[in-house]
Structure formats: C-alpha cells, structure tokens
Amino acid sequence: MAPHTRPILRRSLVVLLIVVACVSVASLAFIDVIPPKAMTPLSMAETSARVALYFQRNQHLPPDLNVLPVRDGYINRITDGYNQPLRYVIDSANSFTLESSSRGRVPGIVSHYMVNAGGVQTVP
C-alpha cells in the first residue's frame, strides 16, 4: 500500500467510528421504556384481545391464558407490568375478568370484559 493512502484510510476509519458512535447514542435516545404501572393496562388490553380471538375461533372462552393464540406484531404477554401473572376468571359463557397483582402501594387493576362476535368490550 502506498504511504500517501494511509492517512486517508485512517481518516475514513475515524469518520466511520464517529458515525457508528453517533448512531448508537441516537438510537438509545429513542428507545421508550414503559413504566410497569403503565404496562399493566396495555398487557390487559392485549390479553383481552387475544381472549376474544380465541372465542371467535372456538365459540367459547379459553380454559386459561396459556392457550391463547399469538398475535404477530404484538407483545403477547399474560403478565402485568411487574411480570406477575394476570389472574383470569370466567364470569359467564361470554364474560371474564382480568386482574393484576397489587405491587407495594400500587393496587391491582381489575377489568371486566364481554366477548361477542364483534370482539371484546370492557364492562363496568
């Protein structure tokens, strides 16, 4: 290799390393971290949608959350924001309750749902 091309290669390598470092730092700045308290309602909503999908395919509620279908592009968790299992209770042939565990001073969340041909809806 000719001696006059070495400085160009060094400069190119330095520029490349700077670009990689900048891209790495920038990508970390855009990563969203969802706090556990906010993740729980999202997990419950996703789980209720999966229960509705199971109901539409099988015409009955699932016996437990472990048999739910997986939705591509979704998190598919059956745990709350603190990684505790969601409690699933069948209330009637087409209604169920999801409950998260309480965590310290944060009370658990309880949501009641009804499934029909159109999907799932939250009920009071």
Protein backbone atom coordinates (compact mmCIF):
# COMPACT_ATOMS: atom_id res chain seq x y z
CA MET A 1 0.00 0.00 0.00
CA ALA A 2 1.34 3.40 -0.92
CA PRO A 3 2.33 5.60 2.05
CA HIS A 4 0.20 8.50 0.84
CA THR A 5 -3.05 6.45 1.11
CA ARG A 6 -2.58 5.58 4.83
CA PRO A 7 -3.77 8.99 6.15
CA ILE A 8 -6.89 8.72 4.01
CA LEU A 9 -7.65 5.26 5.41
CA ARG A 10 -7.07 6.48 8.97
CA ARG A 11 -9.37 9.44 8.47
CA SER A 12 -12.01 7.21 6.91
CA LEU A 13 -11.80 4.80 9.82
CA VAL A 14 -12.11 7.65 12.34
CA VAL A 15 -15.12 9.09 10.50
CA LEU A 16 -16.74 5.65 10.37
CA LEU A 17 -16.23 5.13 14.11
CA ILE A 18 -17.70 8.56 14.86
CA VAL A 19 -20.75 7.82 12.71
CA VAL A 20 -21.28 4.44 14.41
CA ALA A 21 -20.98 6.06 17.85
CA CYS A 22 -23.46 8.82 16.93
CA VAL A 23 -25.98 6.35 15.54
CA SER A 24 -25.67 4.18 18.66
CA VAL A 25 -26.23 7.12 21.02
CA ALA A 26 -29.12 8.44 18.93
CA SER A 27 -30.84 5.05 18.85
CA LEU A 28 -30.63 4.78 22.65
CA ALA A 29 -32.27 8.17 22.99
CA PHE A 30 -35.32 6.96 21.05
CA ILE A 31 -35.90 3.74 22.98
CA ASP A 32 -39.07 4.16 25.00
CA VAL A 33 -39.25 2.49 28.36
CA ILE A 34 -42.80 1.93 29.54
CA PRO A 35 -43.06 2.04 33.33
CA PRO A 36 -44.60 -1.06 34.95
CA LYS A 37 -47.67 0.84 36.16
CA ALA A 38 -48.45 1.89 32.57
CA MET A 39 -47.56 -1.51 31.09
CA THR A 40 -50.23 -3.34 33.11
CA PRO A 41 -53.29 -1.83 31.33
CA LEU A 42 -51.57 -2.42 27.98
CA SER A 43 -50.95 -6.06 28.87
CA MET A 44 -54.54 -6.48 29.99
CA ALA A 45 -55.90 -4.90 26.80
CA GLU A 46 -53.69 -7.13 24.65
CA THR A 47 -54.68 -10.22 26.65
CA SER A 48 -58.39 -9.40 26.34
CA ALA A 49 -57.98 -9.06 22.56
CA ARG A 50 -56.33 -12.49 22.46
CA VAL A 51 -59.17 -13.96 24.56
CA ALA A 52 -61.65 -12.51 22.04
CA LEU A 53 -59.67 -14.04 19.18
CA TYR A 54 -59.75 -17.43 20.92
CA PHE A 55 -63.51 -17.02 21.50
CA GLN A 56 -64.16 -16.20 17.83
CA ARG A 57 -62.22 -19.29 16.70
CA ASN A 58 -63.59 -21.74 19.28
CA GLN A 59 -67.02 -20.33 20.28
CA HIS A 60 -66.11 -20.48 23.98
CA LEU A 61 -63.74 -18.77 26.37
CA PRO A 62 -60.31 -20.33 26.87
CA PRO A 63 -59.85 -22.50 29.97
CA ASP A 64 -56.74 -20.49 30.87
CA LEU A 65 -54.46 -17.83 29.39
CA ASN A 66 -51.74 -20.29 28.35
CA VAL A 67 -53.78 -21.46 25.35
CA LEU A 68 -54.29 -18.02 23.79
CA PRO A 69 -53.31 -17.55 20.15
CA VAL A 70 -50.22 -15.50 19.40
CA ARG A 71 -50.75 -12.24 17.51
CA ASP A 72 -47.95 -11.28 15.14
CA GLY A 73 -46.50 -7.86 15.89
CA TYR A 74 -47.80 -7.77 19.47
CA ILE A 75 -46.13 -8.40 22.82
CA ASN A 76 -48.44 -11.34 23.69
CA ARG A 77 -47.76 -11.16 27.42
CA ILE A 78 -50.06 -12.67 30.02
CA THR A 79 -48.28 -10.89 32.86
CA ASP A 80 -48.69 -7.43 34.31
CA GLY A 81 -46.09 -4.68 34.20
CA TYR A 82 -44.26 -6.26 37.14
CA ASN A 83 -44.05 -9.65 35.36
CA GLN A 84 -46.65 -11.17 37.67
CA PRO A 85 -49.24 -13.44 36.01
CA LEU A 86 -52.59 -11.87 35.23
CA ARG A 87 -55.44 -13.54 37.10
CA TYR A 88 -58.12 -14.79 34.69
CA VAL A 89 -61.64 -15.62 35.88
CA ILE A 90 -64.50 -16.78 33.67
CA ASP A 91 -67.65 -14.97 34.85
CA SER A 92 -70.16 -16.39 32.35
CA ALA A 93 -70.20 -18.03 28.91
CA ASN A 94 -69.05 -14.80 27.26
CA SER A 95 -67.62 -12.64 30.04
CA PHE A 96 -64.41 -12.73 32.03
CA THR A 97 -62.30 -10.74 34.44
CA LEU A 98 -58.59 -9.94 34.31
CA GLU A 99 -56.83 -8.81 37.45
CA SER A 100 -53.26 -7.72 38.06
CA SER A 101 -51.43 -8.33 41.31
CA SER A 102 -51.00 -5.47 43.70
CA ARG A 103 -47.46 -4.22 43.99
CA GLY A 104 -46.42 -2.45 47.17
CA ARG A 105 -48.63 0.64 47.43
CA VAL A 106 -49.93 0.26 43.89
CA PRO A 107 -53.30 -1.57 43.97
CA GLY A 108 -54.02 -4.23 41.40
CA ILE A 109 -56.16 -3.40 38.39
CA VAL A 110 -59.42 -5.28 37.85
CA SER A 111 -61.17 -5.18 34.46
CA HIS A 112 -64.32 -6.99 33.36
CA TYR A 113 -64.86 -7.88 29.71
CA MET A 114 -67.62 -9.22 27.50
CA VAL A 115 -66.91 -11.03 24.24
CA ASN A 116 -69.24 -11.11 21.25
CA ALA A 117 -68.97 -11.66 17.52
CA GLY A 118 -67.57 -8.16 17.06
CA GLY A 119 -64.74 -8.54 19.56
CA VAL A 120 -64.30 -7.63 23.20
CA GLN A 121 -65.55 -4.71 25.23
CA THR A 122 -64.87 -3.55 28.76
CA VAL A 123 -67.90 -3.62 31.03
CA PRO A 124 -68.37 -1.76 34.33
